């Protein structure tokens, strides 16, 4: 699979809430980092997927950049939360056709009241 195909498959699966399809993309050694959470394995990363997609009302892809072993997506995630729309940059690293790392970059400030209300 090409970098583009792997990253697109992962992204589509996550936004659809398809944990099985999303779990097929990460490598055995995998890390996830975002302003709100970190995980050193795919299972931990995908554990909160259901809660996340339950508030997503749409995604507008703004840019997709692909290299041989990395990719960067920039998109707006529309949510049914007080935070509203969140502009996000997502960087992927790949090895042997599998995703080894995902880093999300976004302003988490609008999420703080939501997190506080959820007791986090």
PDB file of N, CA and C in Angstrom:
ATOM      1  N   UNK A   1       0.836  -1.189   0.000  1.00  0.00           N
ATOM      2  CA  UNK A   1       0.000   0.000   0.000  1.00  0.00           C
ATOM      3  C   UNK A   1       0.879   1.251   0.000  1.00  0.00           C
ATOM      4  N   UNK A   2       0.469   2.264  -0.694  1.00  0.00           N
ATOM      5  CA  UNK A   2       1.221   3.512  -0.709  1.00  0.00           C
ATOM      6  C   UNK A   2       0.935   4.308   0.564  1.00  0.00           C
ATOM      7  N   UNK A   3       1.778   5.288   0.833  1.00  0.00           N
ATOM      8  CA  UNK A   3       1.561   6.168   1.985  1.00  0.00           C
ATOM      9  C   UNK A   3       0.175   6.782   1.904  1.00  0.00           C
ATOM     10  N   UNK A   4      -0.164   7.289   0.738  1.00  0.00           N
ATOM     11  CA  UNK A   4      -1.466   7.934   0.543  1.00  0.00           C
ATOM     12  C   UNK A   4      -2.615   6.968   0.858  1.00  0.00           C
ATOM     13  N   UNK A   5      -2.562   5.771   0.329  1.00  0.00           N
ATOM     14  CA  UNK A   5      -3.636   4.799   0.548  1.00  0.00           C
ATOM     15  C   UNK A   5      -3.747   4.415   2.025  1.00  0.00           C
ATOM     16  N   UNK A   6      -2.607   4.212   2.684  1.00  0.00           N
ATOM     17  CA  UNK A   6      -2.616   3.829   4.094  1.00  0.00           C
ATOM     18  C   UNK A   6      -3.197   4.944   4.962  1.00  0.00           C
ATOM     19  N   UNK A   7      -2.727   6.166   4.754  1.00  0.00           N
ATOM     20  CA  UNK A   7      -3.188   7.298   5.567  1.00  0.00           C
ATOM     21  C   UNK A   7      -4.664   7.585   5.307  1.00  0.00           C
ATOM     22  N   UNK A   8      -5.068   7.545   4.057  1.00  0.00           N
ATOM     23  CA  UNK A   8      -6.487   7.781   3.754  1.00  0.00           C
ATOM     24  C   UNK A   8      -7.370   6.694   4.371  1.00  0.00           C
ATOM     25  N   UNK A   9      -6.927   5.448   4.312  1.00  0.00           N
ATOM     26  CA  UNK A   9      -7.707   4.355   4.906  1.00  0.00           C
ATOM     27  C   UNK A   9      -7.850   4.558   6.410  1.00  0.00           C
ATOM     28  N   UNK A  10      -6.764   4.947   7.057  1.00  0.00           N
ATOM     29  CA  UNK A  10      -6.795   5.194   8.501  1.00  0.00           C
ATOM     30  C   UNK A  10      -7.732   6.352   8.828  1.00  0.00           C
ATOM     31  N   UNK A  11      -7.590   7.442   8.113  1.00  0.00           N
ATOM     32  CA  UNK A  11      -8.406   8.632   8.372  1.00  0.00           C
ATOM     33  C   UNK A  11      -9.890   8.342   8.151  1.00  0.00           C
ATOM     34  N   UNK A  12     -10.218   7.721   7.026  1.00  0.00           N
ATOM     35  CA  UNK A  12     -11.622   7.379   6.742  1.00  0.00           C
ATOM     36  C   UNK A  12     -12.198   6.478   7.836  1.00  0.00           C
ATOM     37  N   UNK A  13     -11.435   5.474   8.235  1.00  0.00           N
ATOM     38  CA  UNK A  13     -11.916   4.525   9.250  1.00  0.00           C
ATOM     39  C   UNK A  13     -12.161   5.223  10.578  1.00  0.00           C
ATOM     40  N   UNK A  14     -11.235   6.078  10.990  1.00  0.00           N
ATOM     41  CA  UNK A  14     -11.403   6.766  12.275  1.00  0.00           C
ATOM     42  C   UNK A  14     -12.617   7.681  12.266  1.00  0.00           C
ATOM     43  N   UNK A  15     -12.792   8.476  11.203  1.00  0.00           N
ATOM     44  CA  UNK A  15     -13.934   9.389  11.177  1.00  0.00           C
ATOM     45  C   UNK A  15     -15.251   8.650  11.006  1.00  0.00           C
ATOM     46  N   UNK A  16     -15.209   7.422  10.523  1.00  0.00           N
ATOM     47  CA  UNK A  16     -16.414   6.598  10.426  1.00  0.00           C
ATOM     48  C   UNK A  16     -16.659   5.808  11.712  1.00  0.00           C
ATOM     49  N   UNK A  17     -15.689   5.827  12.634  1.00  0.00           N
ATOM     50  CA  UNK A  17     -15.813   5.069  13.872  1.00  0.00           C
ATOM     51  C   UNK A  17     -15.568   3.587  13.697  1.00  0.00           C
ATOM     52  N   UNK A  18     -14.916   3.204  12.601  1.00  0.00           N
ATOM     53  CA  UNK A  18     -14.645   1.801  12.297  1.00  0.00           C
ATOM     54  C   UNK A  18     -13.314   1.389  12.942  1.00  0.00           C
ATOM     55  N   UNK A  19     -13.376   0.955  14.191  1.00  0.00           N
ATOM     56  CA  UNK A  19     -12.177   0.608  14.951  1.00  0.00           C
ATOM     57  C   UNK A  19     -11.417  -0.540  14.290  1.00  0.00           C
ATOM     58  N   UNK A  20     -12.117  -1.519  13.750  1.00  0.00           N
ATOM     59  CA  UNK A  20     -11.464  -2.663  13.115  1.00  0.00           C
ATOM     60  C   UNK A  20     -10.618  -2.215  11.932  1.00  0.00           C
ATOM     61  N   UNK A  21     -11.171  -1.392  11.064  1.00  0.00           N
ATOM     62  CA  UNK A  21     -10.419  -0.903   9.896  1.00  0.00           C
ATOM     63  C   UNK A  21      -9.290   0.021  10.327  1.00  0.00           C
ATOM     64  N   UNK A  22      -9.541   0.871  11.305  1.00  0.00           N
ATOM     65  CA  UNK A  22      -8.501   1.786  11.793  1.00  0.00           C
ATOM     66  C   UNK A  22      -7.355   1.007  12.436  1.00  0.00           C
ATOM     67  N   UNK A  23      -7.667  -0.065  13.136  1.00  0.00           N
ATOM     68  CA  UNK A  23      -6.645  -0.860  13.827  1.00  0.00           C
ATOM     69  C   UNK A  23      -5.748  -1.614  12.850  1.00  0.00           C
ATOM     70  N   UNK A  24      -6.154  -1.747  11.605  1.00  0.00           N
ATOM     71  CA  UNK A  24      -5.344  -2.465  10.614  1.00  0.00           C
ATOM     72  C   UNK A  24      -4.185  -1.624  10.097  1.00  0.00           C
ATOM     73  N   UNK A  25      -4.190  -0.317  10.345  1.00  0.00           N
ATOM     74  CA  UNK A  25      -3.175   0.562   9.755  1.00  0.00           C
ATOM     75  C   UNK A  25      -1.919   0.770  10.611  1.00  0.00           C
ATOM     76  N   UNK A  26      -2.003   0.829  11.948  1.00  0.00           N
ATOM     77  CA  UNK A  26      -0.787   1.069  12.750  1.00  0.00           C
ATOM     78  C   UNK A  26       0.176  -0.117  12.770  1.00  0.00           C
ATOM     79  N   UNK A  27       1.460   0.217  12.908  1.00  0.00           N
ATOM     80  CA  UNK A  27       2.508  -0.793  13.072  1.00  0.00           C
ATOM     81  C   UNK A  27       2.462  -1.341  14.496  1.00  0.00           C
ATOM     82  N   UNK A  28       3.200  -2.403  14.739  1.00  0.00           N
ATOM     83  CA  UNK A  28       3.274  -2.963  16.087  1.00  0.00           C
ATOM     84  C   UNK A  28       3.838  -1.947  17.077  1.00  0.00           C
ATOM     85  N   UNK A  29       4.821  -1.170  16.640  1.00  0.00           N
ATOM     86  CA  UNK A  29       5.374  -0.096  17.456  1.00  0.00           C
ATOM     87  C   UNK A  29       4.730   1.199  16.977  1.00  0.00           C
ATOM     88  N   UNK A  30       3.943   1.828  17.842  1.00  0.00           N
ATOM     89  CA  UNK A  30       3.110   2.966  17.437  1.00  0.00           C
ATOM     90  C   UNK A  30       3.009   3.965  18.575  1.00  0.00           C
ATOM     91  N   UNK A  31       3.040   5.249  18.243  1.00  0.00           N
ATOM     92  CA  UNK A  31       2.803   6.297  19.233  1.00  0.00           C
ATOM     93  C   UNK A  31       1.808   7.301  18.682  1.00  0.00           C
ATOM     94  N   UNK A  32       1.031   7.859  19.592  1.00  0.00           N
ATOM     95  CA  UNK A  32       0.065   8.903  19.254  1.00  0.00           C
ATOM     96  C   UNK A  32       0.239  10.039  20.244  1.00  0.00           C
ATOM     97  N   UNK A  33       0.280  11.271  19.733  1.00  0.00           N
ATOM     98  CA  UNK A  33       0.412  12.456  20.581  1.00  0.00           C
ATOM     99  C   UNK A  33      -0.562  13.520  20.106  1.00  0.00           C
ATOM    100  N   UNK A  34      -1.243  14.137  21.051  1.00  0.00           N
ATOM    101  CA  UNK A  34      -2.105  15.279  20.769  1.00  0.00           C
ATOM    102  C   UNK A  34      -2.071  16.184  21.992  1.00  0.00           C
ATOM    103  N   UNK A  35      -2.627  17.381  21.892  1.00  0.00           N
ATOM    104  CA  UNK A  35      -2.661  18.246  23.065  1.00  0.00           C
ATOM    105  C   UNK A  35      -3.483  17.678  24.230  1.00  0.00           C
ATOM    106  N   UNK A  36      -4.371  16.727  23.954  1.00  0.00           N
ATOM    107  CA  UNK A  36      -5.258  16.211  24.994  1.00  0.00           C
ATOM    108  C   UNK A  36      -4.950  14.791  25.436  1.00  0.00           C
ATOM    109  N   UNK A  37      -4.218  14.024  24.639  1.00  0.00           N
ATOM    110  CA  UNK A  37      -3.942  12.643  25.034  1.00  0.00           C
ATOM    111  C   UNK A  37      -2.682  12.117  24.371  1.00  0.00           C
ATOM    112  N   UNK A  38      -2.160  11.058  24.964  1.00  0.00           N
ATOM    113  CA  UNK A  38      -0.982  10.373  24.439  1.00  0.00           C
ATOM    114  C   UNK A  38      -1.193   8.872  24.597  1.00  0.00           C
ATOM    115  N   UNK A  39      -0.634   8.139  23.665  1.00  0.00           N
ATOM    116  CA  UNK A  39      -0.709   6.689  23.756  1.00  0.00           C
ATOM    117  C   UNK A  39       0.527   6.095  23.103  1.00  0.00           C
ATOM    118  N   UNK A  40       1.020   5.009  23.675  1.00  0.00           N
ATOM    119  CA  UNK A  40       2.170   4.323  23.113  1.00  0.00           C
ATOM    120  C   UNK A  40       1.796   3.014  22.436  1.00  0.00           C
ATOM    121  N   UNK A  41       0.516   2.854  22.142  1.00  0.00           N
ATOM    122  CA  UNK A  41       0.087   1.704  21.355  1.00  0.00           C
ATOM    123  C   UNK A  41      -1.233   2.034  20.650  1.00  0.00           C
ATOM    124  N   UNK A  42      -1.523   1.292  19.610  1.00  0.00           N
ATOM    125  CA  UNK A  42      -2.723   1.550  18.814  1.00  0.00           C
ATOM    126  C   UNK A  42      -3.993   1.325  19.617  1.00  0.00           C
ATOM    127  N   UNK A  43      -3.986   0.345  20.483  1.00  0.00           N
ATOM    128  CA  UNK A  43      -5.174   0.047  21.282  1.00  0.00           C
ATOM    129  C   UNK A  43      -5.565   1.251  22.136  1.00  0.00           C
ATOM    130  N   UNK A  44      -4.591   1.862  22.789  1.00  0.00           N
ATOM    131  CA  UNK A  44      -4.863   3.040  23.604  1.00  0.00           C
ATOM    132  C   UNK A  44      -5.357   4.211  22.777  1.00  0.00           C
ATOM    133  N   UNK A  45      -4.763   4.368  21.609  1.00  0.00           N
ATOM    134  CA  UNK A  45      -5.168   5.448  20.709  1.00  0.00           C
ATOM    135  C   UNK A  45      -6.612   5.273  20.247  1.00  0.00           C
ATOM    136  N   UNK A  46      -6.998   4.056  19.938  1.00  0.00           N
ATOM    137  CA  UNK A  46      -8.327   3.799  19.394  1.00  0.00           C
ATOM    138  C   UNK A  46      -9.401   3.644  20.467  1.00  0.00           C
ATOM    139  N   UNK A  47      -8.997   3.554  21.730  1.00  0.00           N
ATOM    140  CA  UNK A  47      -9.964   3.343  22.815  1.00  0.00           C
ATOM    141  C   UNK A  47     -11.009   4.445  22.905  1.00  0.00           C
ATOM    142  N   UNK A  48     -10.628   5.668  22.639  1.00  0.00           N
ATOM    143  CA  UNK A  48     -11.566   6.785  22.744  1.00  0.00           C
ATOM    144  C   UNK A  48     -12.254   7.150  21.444  1.00  0.00           C
ATOM    145  N   UNK A  49     -12.071   6.335  20.415  1.00  0.00           N
ATOM    146  CA  UNK A  49     -12.603   6.664  19.099  1.00  0.00           C
ATOM    147  C   UNK A  49     -14.125   6.817  19.084  1.00  0.00           C
ATOM    148  N   UNK A  50     -14.827   5.941  19.757  1.00  0.00           N
ATOM    149  CA  UNK A  50     -16.295   6.002  19.767  1.00  0.00           C
ATOM    150  C   UNK A  50     -16.810   7.312  20.324  1.00  0.00           C
ATOM    151  N   UNK A  51     -16.222   7.753  21.432  1.00  0.00           N
ATOM    152  CA  UNK A  51     -16.636   9.021  22.027  1.00  0.00           C
ATOM    153  C   UNK A  51     -16.348  10.197  21.121  1.00  0.00           C
ATOM    154  N   UNK A  52     -15.203  10.151  20.449  1.00  0.00           N
ATOM    155  CA  UNK A  52     -14.828  11.235  19.551  1.00  0.00           C
ATOM    156  C   UNK A  52     -15.789  11.327  18.367  1.00  0.00           C
ATOM    157  N   UNK A  53     -16.001  10.226  17.668  1.00  0.00           N
ATOM    158  CA  UNK A  53     -16.851  10.302  16.472  1.00  0.00           C
ATOM    159  C   UNK A  53     -18.309  10.567  16.813  1.00  0.00           C
ATOM    160  N   UNK A  54     -18.707  10.325  18.050  1.00  0.00           N
ATOM    161  CA  UNK A  54     -20.099  10.599  18.416  1.00  0.00           C
ATOM    162  C   UNK A  54     -20.414  12.093  18.423  1.00  0.00           C
ATOM    163  N   UNK A  55     -19.400  12.950  18.498  1.00  0.00           N
ATOM    164  CA  UNK A  55     -19.629  14.399  18.480  1.00  0.00           C
ATOM    165  C   UNK A  55     -19.220  15.054  17.160  1.00  0.00           C
ATOM    166  N   UNK A  56     -18.615  14.278  16.246  1.00  0.00           N
ATOM    167  CA  UNK A  56     -18.205  14.828  14.954  1.00  0.00           C
ATOM    168  C   UNK A  56     -19.415  14.885  14.023  1.00  0.00           C
ATOM    169  N   UNK A  57     -19.633  16.072  13.470  1.00  0.00           N
ATOM    170  CA  UNK A  57     -20.744  16.243  12.530  1.00  0.00           C
ATOM    171  C   UNK A  57     -20.269  16.385  11.088  1.00  0.00           C
ATOM    172  N   UNK A  58     -18.963  16.549  10.902  1.00  0.00           N
ATOM    173  CA  UNK A  58     -18.422  16.653   9.548  1.00  0.00           C
ATOM    174  C   UNK A  58     -16.939  16.950   9.574  1.00  0.00           C
ATOM    175  N   UNK A  59     -16.293  16.697   8.454  1.00  0.00           N
ATOM    176  CA  UNK A  59     -14.866  16.953   8.299  1.00  0.00           C
ATOM    177  C   UNK A  59     -14.656  17.571   6.920  1.00  0.00           C
ATOM    178  N   UNK A  60     -13.956  18.701   6.892  1.00  0.00           N
ATOM    179  CA  UNK A  60     -13.593  19.339   5.624  1.00  0.00           C
ATOM    180  C   UNK A  60     -12.078  19.254   5.460  1.00  0.00           C
ATOM    181  N   UNK A  61     -11.634  18.462   4.500  1.00  0.00           N
ATOM    182  CA  UNK A  61     -10.211  18.324   4.232  1.00  0.00           C
ATOM    183  C   UNK A  61      -9.724  19.574   3.514  1.00  0.00           C
ATOM    184  N   UNK A  62      -8.672  20.184   4.051  1.00  0.00           N
ATOM    185  CA  UNK A  62      -8.119  21.398   3.466  1.00  0.00           C
ATOM    186  C   UNK A  62      -6.847  21.136   2.673  1.00  0.00           C
ATOM    187  N   UNK A  63      -6.031  20.175   3.140  1.00  0.00           N
ATOM    188  CA  UNK A  63      -4.768  19.895   2.461  1.00  0.00           C
ATOM    189  C   UNK A  63      -4.301  18.481   2.794  1.00  0.00           C
ATOM    190  N   UNK A  64      -3.718  17.838   1.803  1.00  0.00           N
ATOM    191  CA  UNK A  64      -3.122  16.517   1.977  1.00  0.00           C
ATOM    192  C   UNK A  64      -1.746  16.545   1.324  1.00  0.00           C
ATOM    193  N   UNK A  65      -0.721  16.279   2.111  1.00  0.00           N
ATOM    194  CA  UNK A  65       0.648  16.242   1.599  1.00  0.00           C
ATOM    195  C   UNK A  65       1.226  14.866   1.891  1.00  0.00           C
ATOM    196  N   UNK A  66       1.753  14.210   0.851  1.00  0.00           N
ATOM    197  CA  UNK A  66       2.251  12.845   1.001  1.00  0.00           C
ATOM    198  C   UNK A  66       3.702  12.735   0.550  1.00  0.00           C
ATOM    199  N   UNK A  67       4.491  12.044   1.359  1.00  0.00           N
ATOM    200  CA  UNK A  67       5.858  11.708   1.004  1.00  0.00           C
ATOM    201  C   UNK A  67       5.990  10.203   1.030  1.00  0.00           C
ATOM    202  N   UNK A  68       7.199   9.715   0.901  1.00  0.00           N
ATOM    203  CA  UNK A  68       7.421   8.277   0.875  1.00  0.00           C
ATOM    204  C   UNK A  68       7.102   7.612   2.208  1.00  0.00           C
ATOM    205  N   UNK A  69       7.452   8.271   3.320  1.00  0.00           N
ATOM    206  CA  UNK A  69       7.241   7.656   4.630  1.00  0.00           C
ATOM    207  C   UNK A  69       6.588   8.615   5.631  1.00  0.00           C
ATOM    208  N   UNK A  70       5.934   9.637   5.113  1.00  0.00           N
ATOM    209  CA  UNK A  70       5.214  10.561   5.992  1.00  0.00           C
ATOM    210  C   UNK A  70       4.109  11.253   5.216  1.00  0.00           C
ATOM    211  N   UNK A  71       3.163  11.783   5.976  1.00  0.00           N
ATOM    212  CA  UNK A  71       2.050  12.523   5.380  1.00  0.00           C
ATOM    213  C   UNK A  71       1.557  13.546   6.384  1.00  0.00           C
ATOM    214  N   UNK A  72       0.999  14.619   5.873  1.00  0.00           N
ATOM    215  CA  UNK A  72       0.383  15.636   6.727  1.00  0.00           C
ATOM    216  C   UNK A  72      -0.975  15.982   6.147  1.00  0.00           C
ATOM    217  N   UNK A  73      -1.983  15.923   6.995  1.00  0.00           N
ATOM    218  CA  UNK A  73      -3.334  16.317   6.625  1.00  0.00           C
ATOM    219  C   UNK A  73      -3.705  17.553   7.427  1.00  0.00           C
ATOM    220  N   UNK A  74      -4.391  18.483   6.805  1.00  0.00           N
ATOM    221  CA  UNK A  74      -4.925  19.653   7.493  1.00  0.00           C
ATOM    222  C   UNK A  74      -6.417  19.667   7.199  1.00  0.00           C
ATOM    223  N   UNK A  75      -7.223  19.728   8.263  1.00  0.00           N
ATOM    224  CA  UNK A  75      -8.664  19.653   8.068  1.00  0.00           C
ATOM    225  C   UNK A  75      -9.398  20.378   9.187  1.00  0.00           C
ATOM    226  N   UNK A  76     -10.661  20.690   8.923  1.00  0.00           N
ATOM    227  CA  UNK A  76     -11.561  21.235   9.933  1.00  0.00           C
ATOM    228  C   UNK A  76     -12.482  20.113  10.387  1.00  0.00           C
ATOM    229  N   UNK A  77     -12.546  19.904  11.696  1.00  0.00           N
ATOM    230  CA  UNK A  77     -13.466  18.926  12.280  1.00  0.00           C
ATOM    231  C   UNK A  77     -14.616  19.713  12.881  1.00  0.00           C
ATOM    232  N   UNK A  78     -15.821  19.469  12.397  1.00  0.00           N
ATOM    233  CA  UNK A  78     -17.014  20.124  12.922  1.00  0.00           C
ATOM    234  C   UNK A  78     -17.613  19.220  13.995  1.00  0.00           C
ATOM    235  N   UNK A  79     -17.879  19.796  15.166  1.00  0.00           N
ATOM    236  CA  UNK A  79     -18.390  18.990  16.272  1.00  0.00           C
ATOM    237  C   UNK A  79     -19.677  19.565  16.832  1.00  0.00           C
ATOM    238  N   UNK A  80     -20.447  18.710  17.455  1.00  0.00           N
ATOM    239  CA  UNK A  80     -21.671  19.101  18.152  1.00  0.00           C
ATOM    240  C   UNK A  80     -21.333  19.341  19.615  1.00  0.00           C
ATOM    241  N   UNK A  81     -20.339  20.185  19.843  1.00  0.00           N
ATOM    242  CA  UNK A  81     -19.919  20.561  21.197  1.00  0.00           C
ATOM    243  C   UNK A  81     -19.779  22.076  21.231  1.00  0.00           C
ATOM    244  N   UNK A  82     -19.668  22.663  22.413  1.00  0.00           N
ATOM    245  CA  UNK A  82     -19.437  24.112  22.485  1.00  0.00           C
ATOM    246  C   UNK A  82     -18.147  24.544  21.778  1.00  0.00           C
ATOM    247  N   UNK A  83     -17.218  23.631  21.580  1.00  0.00           N
ATOM    248  CA  UNK A  83     -15.966  23.962  20.893  1.00  0.00           C
ATOM    249  C   UNK A  83     -16.187  24.218  19.409  1.00  0.00           C
ATOM    250  N   UNK A  84     -17.260  23.682  18.849  1.00  0.00           N
ATOM    251  CA  UNK A  84     -17.576  23.931  17.439  1.00  0.00           C
ATOM    252  C   UNK A  84     -16.596  23.292  16.482  1.00  0.00           C
ATOM    253  N   UNK A  85     -16.031  24.096  15.589  1.00  0.00           N
ATOM    254  CA  UNK A  85     -15.118  23.610  14.558  1.00  0.00           C
ATOM    255  C   UNK A  85     -13.674  23.750  15.021  1.00  0.00           C
ATOM    256  N   UNK A  86     -12.920  22.707  14.792  1.00  0.00           N
ATOM    257  CA  UNK A  86     -11.514  22.676  15.217  1.00  0.00           C
ATOM    258  C   UNK A  86     -10.618  22.466  14.005  1.00  0.00           C
ATOM    259  N   UNK A  87      -9.765  23.426  13.713  1.00  0.00           N
ATOM    260  CA  UNK A  87      -8.766  23.252  12.647  1.00  0.00           C
ATOM    261  C   UNK A  87      -7.662  22.360  13.204  1.00  0.00           C
ATOM    262  N   UNK A  88      -7.300  21.330  12.444  1.00  0.00           N
ATOM    263  CA  UNK A  88      -6.347  20.325  12.908  1.00  0.00           C
ATOM    264  C   UNK A  88      -5.314  20.012  11.839  1.00  0.00           C
ATOM    265  N   UNK A  89      -4.080  19.877  12.267  1.00  0.00           N
ATOM    266  CA  UNK A  89      -3.022  19.343  11.413  1.00  0.00           C
ATOM    267  C   UNK A  89      -2.649  17.983  12.000  1.00  0.00           C
ATOM    268  N   UNK A  90      -2.492  17.013  11.145  1.00  0.00           N
ATOM    269  CA  UNK A  90      -2.188  15.652  11.591  1.00  0.00           C
ATOM    270  C   UNK A  90      -1.002  15.137  10.780  1.00  0.00           C
ATOM    271  N   UNK A  91       0.050  14.764  11.496  1.00  0.00           N
ATOM    272  CA  UNK A  91       1.260  14.274  10.827  1.00  0.00           C
ATOM    273  C   UNK A  91       1.404  12.776  11.093  1.00  0.00           C
ATOM    274  N   UNK A  92       1.650  12.031  10.037  1.00  0.00           N
ATOM    275  CA  UNK A  92       1.816  10.579  10.097  1.00  0.00           C
ATOM    276  C   UNK A  92       3.243  10.214   9.718  1.00  0.00           C
ATOM    277  N   UNK A  93       3.806   9.245  10.418  1.00  0.00           N
ATOM    278  CA  UNK A  93       5.078   8.627  10.025  1.00  0.00           C
ATOM    279  C   UNK A  93       4.781   7.162   9.725  1.00  0.00           C
ATOM    280  N   UNK A  94       5.394   6.643   8.676  1.00  0.00           N
ATOM    281  CA  UNK A  94       5.154   5.266   8.269  1.00  0.00           C
ATOM    282  C   UNK A  94       6.469   4.519   8.068  1.00  0.00           C
ATOM    283  N   UNK A  95       6.388   3.211   8.254  1.00  0.00           N
ATOM    284  CA  UNK A  95       7.500   2.307   7.971  1.00  0.00           C
ATOM    285  C   UNK A  95       6.907   1.013   7.428  1.00  0.00           C
ATOM    286  N   UNK A  96       7.422   0.550   6.314  1.00  0.00           N
ATOM    287  CA  UNK A  96       6.953  -0.701   5.692  1.00  0.00           C
ATOM    288  C   UNK A  96       5.439  -0.716   5.490  1.00  0.00           C
ATOM    289  N   UNK A  97       4.877   0.427   5.098  1.00  0.00           N
ATOM    290  CA  UNK A  97       3.448   0.497   4.795  1.00  0.00           C
ATOM    291  C   UNK A  97       2.527   0.583   5.997  1.00  0.00           C
ATOM    292  N   UNK A  98       3.080   0.706   7.197  1.00  0.00           N
ATOM    293  CA  UNK A  98       2.272   0.803   8.415  1.00  0.00           C
ATOM    294  C   UNK A  98       2.564   2.128   9.117  1.00  0.00           C
ATOM    295  N   UNK A  99       1.592   2.635   9.817  1.00  0.00           N
ATOM    296  CA  UNK A  99       1.742   3.904  10.531  1.00  0.00           C
ATOM    297  C   UNK A  99       2.447   3.654  11.861  1.00  0.00           C
ATOM    298  N   UNK A 100       3.565   4.355  12.070  1.00  0.00           N
ATOM    299  CA  UNK A 100       4.325   4.203  13.312  1.00  0.00           C
ATOM    300  C   UNK A 100       4.054   5.332  14.301  1.00  0.00           C
ATOM    301  N   UNK A 101       3.603   6.476  13.808  1.00  0.00           N
ATOM    302  CA  UNK A 101       3.344   7.606  14.699  1.00  0.00           C
ATOM    303  C   UNK A 101       2.338   8.562  14.079  1.00  0.00           C
ATOM    304  N   UNK A 102       1.480   9.098  14.933  1.00  0.00           N
ATOM    305  CA  UNK A 102       0.553  10.152  14.546  1.00  0.00           C
ATOM    306  C   UNK A 102       0.695  11.269  15.564  1.00  0.00           C
ATOM    307  N   UNK A 103       0.848  12.483  15.061  1.00  0.00           N
ATOM    308  CA  UNK A 103       0.878  13.665  15.918  1.00  0.00           C
ATOM    309  C   UNK A 103      -0.223  14.609  15.458  1.00  0.00           C
ATOM    310  N   UNK A 104      -1.134  14.941  16.369  1.00  0.00           N
ATOM    311  CA  UNK A 104      -2.194  15.911  16.086  1.00  0.00           C
ATOM    312  C   UNK A 104      -1.777  17.260  16.646  1.00  0.00           C
ATOM    313  N   UNK A 105      -2.017  18.299  15.879  1.00  0.00           N
ATOM    314  CA  UNK A 105      -1.706  19.650  16.326  1.00  0.00           C
ATOM    315  C   UNK A 105      -2.969  20.487  16.178  1.00  0.00           C
ATOM    316  N   UNK A 106      -3.434  21.033  17.309  1.00  0.00           N
ATOM    317  CA  UNK A 106      -4.601  21.908  17.294  1.00  0.00           C
ATOM    318  C   UNK A 106      -4.622  22.719  18.573  1.00  0.00           C
ATOM    319  N   UNK A 107      -5.398  23.780  18.573  1.00  0.00           N
ATOM    320  CA  UNK A 107      -5.571  24.614  19.758  1.00  0.00           C
ATOM    321  C   UNK A 107      -6.599  23.934  20.659  1.00  0.00           C
ATOM    322  N   UNK A 108      -6.157  23.444  21.802  1.00  0.00           N
ATOM    323  CA  UNK A 108      -7.045  22.723  22.721  1.00  0.00           C
ATOM    324  C   UNK A 108      -7.830  23.653  23.646  1.00  0.00           C
ATOM    325  N   UNK A 109      -7.546  24.940  23.617  1.00  0.00           N
ATOM    326  CA  UNK A 109      -8.204  25.884  24.530  1.00  0.00           C
ATOM    327  C   UNK A 109      -9.724  25.790  24.493  1.00  0.00           C
ATOM    328  N   UNK A 110     -10.378  25.759  23.324  1.00  0.00           N
ATOM    329  CA  UNK A 110     -11.840  25.648  23.313  1.00  0.00           C
ATOM    330  C   UNK A 110     -12.369  24.345  23.923  1.00  0.00           C
ATOM    331  N   UNK A 111     -11.529  23.335  24.022  1.00  0.00           N
ATOM    332  CA  UNK A 111     -11.933  22.036  24.585  1.00  0.00           C
ATOM    333  C   UNK A 111     -11.864  22.007  26.106  1.00  0.00           C
ATOM    334  N   UNK A 112     -11.177  22.924  26.728  1.00  0.00           N
ATOM    335  CA  UNK A 112     -11.009  22.904  28.185  1.00  0.00           C
ATOM    336  C   UNK A 112     -12.340  22.889  28.934  1.00  0.00           C
ATOM    337  N   UNK A 113     -13.341  23.718  28.596  1.00  0.00           N
ATOM    338  CA  UNK A 113     -14.621  23.620  29.299  1.00  0.00           C
ATOM    339  C   UNK A 113     -15.315  22.263  29.107  1.00  0.00           C
ATOM    340  N   UNK A 114     -15.192  21.710  27.914  1.00  0.00           N
ATOM    341  CA  UNK A 114     -15.796  20.400  27.638  1.00  0.00           C
ATOM    342  C   UNK A 114     -15.120  19.334  28.500  1.00  0.00           C
ATOM    343  N   UNK A 115     -13.789  19.380  28.568  1.00  0.00           N
ATOM    344  CA  UNK A 115     -13.044  18.416  29.363  1.00  0.00           C
ATOM    345  C   UNK A 115     -13.365  18.569  30.850  1.00  0.00           C
ATOM    346  N   UNK A 116     -13.486  19.809  31.315  1.00  0.00           N
ATOM    347  CA  UNK A 116     -13.798  20.063  32.727  1.00  0.00           C
ATOM    348  C   UNK A 116     -15.181  19.527  33.062  1.00  0.00           C
ATOM    349  N   UNK A 117     -16.136  19.726  32.165  1.00  0.00           N
ATOM    350  CA  UNK A 117     -17.499  19.236  32.397  1.00  0.00           C
ATOM    351  C   UNK A 117     -17.543  17.711  32.428  1.00  0.00           C
ATOM    352  N   UNK A 118     -16.628  17.075  31.682  1.00  0.00           N
ATOM    353  CA  UNK A 118     -16.568  15.614  31.660  1.00  0.00           C
ATOM    354  C   UNK A 118     -15.740  15.049  32.810  1.00  0.00           C
ATOM    355  N   UNK A 119     -15.183  15.940  33.643  1.00  0.00           N
ATOM    356  CA  UNK A 119     -14.401  15.491  34.794  1.00  0.00           C
ATOM    357  C   UNK A 119     -12.995  15.068  34.451  1.00  0.00           C
ATOM    358  N   UNK A 120     -12.437  15.588  33.370  1.00  0.00           N
ATOM    359  CA  UNK A 120     -11.069  15.211  32.975  1.00  0.00           C
ATOM    360  C   UNK A 120     -10.100  16.285  33.334  1.00  0.00           C
TER     361      UNK A 120
END
